[in-house]
C-alpha atoms as a PDB file:
ATOM      1  CA  MET A   1      78.323 123.535 153.760  1.00  0.00           C
ATOM      2  CA  TRP A   2      75.353 122.299 156.105  1.00  0.00           C
ATOM      3  CA  ILE A   3      75.315 125.449 157.734  1.00  0.00           C
ATOM      4  CA  ALA A   4      74.141 127.009 154.453  1.00  0.00           C
ATOM      5  CA  ALA A   5      72.264 124.250 153.767  1.00  0.00           C
ATOM      6  CA  VAL A   6      70.671 124.709 157.483  1.00  0.00           C
ATOM      7  CA  HIS A   7      70.069 128.623 156.574  1.00  0.00           C
ATOM      8  CA  GLY A   8      67.982 127.514 154.145  1.00  0.00           C
ATOM      9  CA  THR A   9      65.654 125.492 155.298  1.00  0.00           C
ATOM     10  CA  ARG A  10      65.426 127.582 158.392  1.00  0.00           C
ATOM     11  CA  ASP A  11      64.437 130.333 155.839  1.00  0.00           C
ATOM     12  CA  ARG A  12      61.654 128.492 154.191  1.00  0.00           C
ATOM     13  CA  LEU A  13      60.314 127.732 157.430  1.00  0.00           C
ATOM     14  CA  LEU A  14      59.559 131.279 158.487  1.00  0.00           C
ATOM     15  CA  SER A  15      58.566 132.124 155.155  1.00  0.00           C
ATOM     16  CA  LEU A  16      55.861 129.570 155.775  1.00  0.00           C
ATOM     17  CA  LEU A  17      55.218 130.678 158.777  1.00  0.00           C
ATOM     18  CA  GLU A  18      54.532 134.327 157.517  1.00  0.00           C
ATOM     19  CA  ALA A  19      52.017 133.424 154.796  1.00  0.00           C
ATOM     20  CA  VAL A  20      49.368 131.382 157.248  1.00  0.00           C
ATOM     21  CA  PRO A  21      47.914 133.925 158.595  1.00  0.00           C
ATOM     22  CA  PRO A  22      46.934 135.757 155.718  1.00  0.00           C
ATOM     23  CA  VAL A  23      45.611 132.834 154.234  1.00  0.00           C
ATOM     24  CA  GLY A  24      43.695 132.060 157.667  1.00  0.00           C
ATOM     25  CA  ARG A  25      42.155 135.873 156.687  1.00  0.00           C
ATOM     26  CA  GLU A  26      41.260 135.254 153.019  1.00  0.00           C
ATOM     27  CA  LEU A  27      37.466 134.414 152.885  1.00  0.00           C
ATOM     28  CA  ASP A  28      37.946 133.989 148.767  1.00  0.00           C
ATOM     29  CA  LEU A  29      38.726 130.426 148.230  1.00  0.00           C
ATOM     30  CA  ALA A  30      40.412 131.374 144.912  1.00  0.00           C
ATOM     31  CA  GLN A  31      42.815 133.838 147.076  1.00  0.00           C
ATOM     32  CA  VAL A  32      43.798 131.318 149.560  1.00  0.00           C
ATOM     33  CA  LEU A  33      44.045 128.976 147.200  1.00  0.00           C
ATOM     34  CA  ARG A  34      46.431 131.187 144.933  1.00  0.00           C
ATOM     35  CA  ARG A  35      48.453 132.416 147.936  1.00  0.00           C
ATOM     36  CA  ILE A  36      49.415 128.775 148.851  1.00  0.00           C
ATOM     37  CA  VAL A  37      50.587 128.175 145.539  1.00  0.00           C
ATOM     38  CA  GLU A  38      52.699 131.561 145.064  1.00  0.00           C
ATOM     39  CA  THR A  39      54.321 130.546 148.760  1.00  0.00           C
ATOM     40  CA  ALA A  40      54.692 126.939 147.573  1.00  0.00           C
ATOM     41  CA  VAL A  41      56.738 128.048 144.598  1.00  0.00           C
ATOM     42  CA  LEU A  42      58.835 130.199 146.832  1.00  0.00           C
ATOM     43  CA  LEU A  43      59.818 127.681 149.005  1.00  0.00           C
ATOM     44  CA  VAL A  44      60.648 125.371 146.580  1.00  0.00           C
ATOM     45  CA  GLU A  45      62.281 128.406 144.776  1.00  0.00           C
ATOM     46  CA  SER A  46      60.354 127.658 141.526  1.00  0.00           C
ATOM     47  CA  GLU A  47      59.190 129.988 138.905  1.00  0.00           C
END
């Protein structure tokens, strides 16, 4: 059971790390904030 939790945490962390470079390349504040919110929603599995 705890292994599934570890895998879930790992997957969320990898998603976060994959989102960092595109955010750093964005120059438009609105797009940066949108990307941050979209990634956060994915990380917490919300809609």
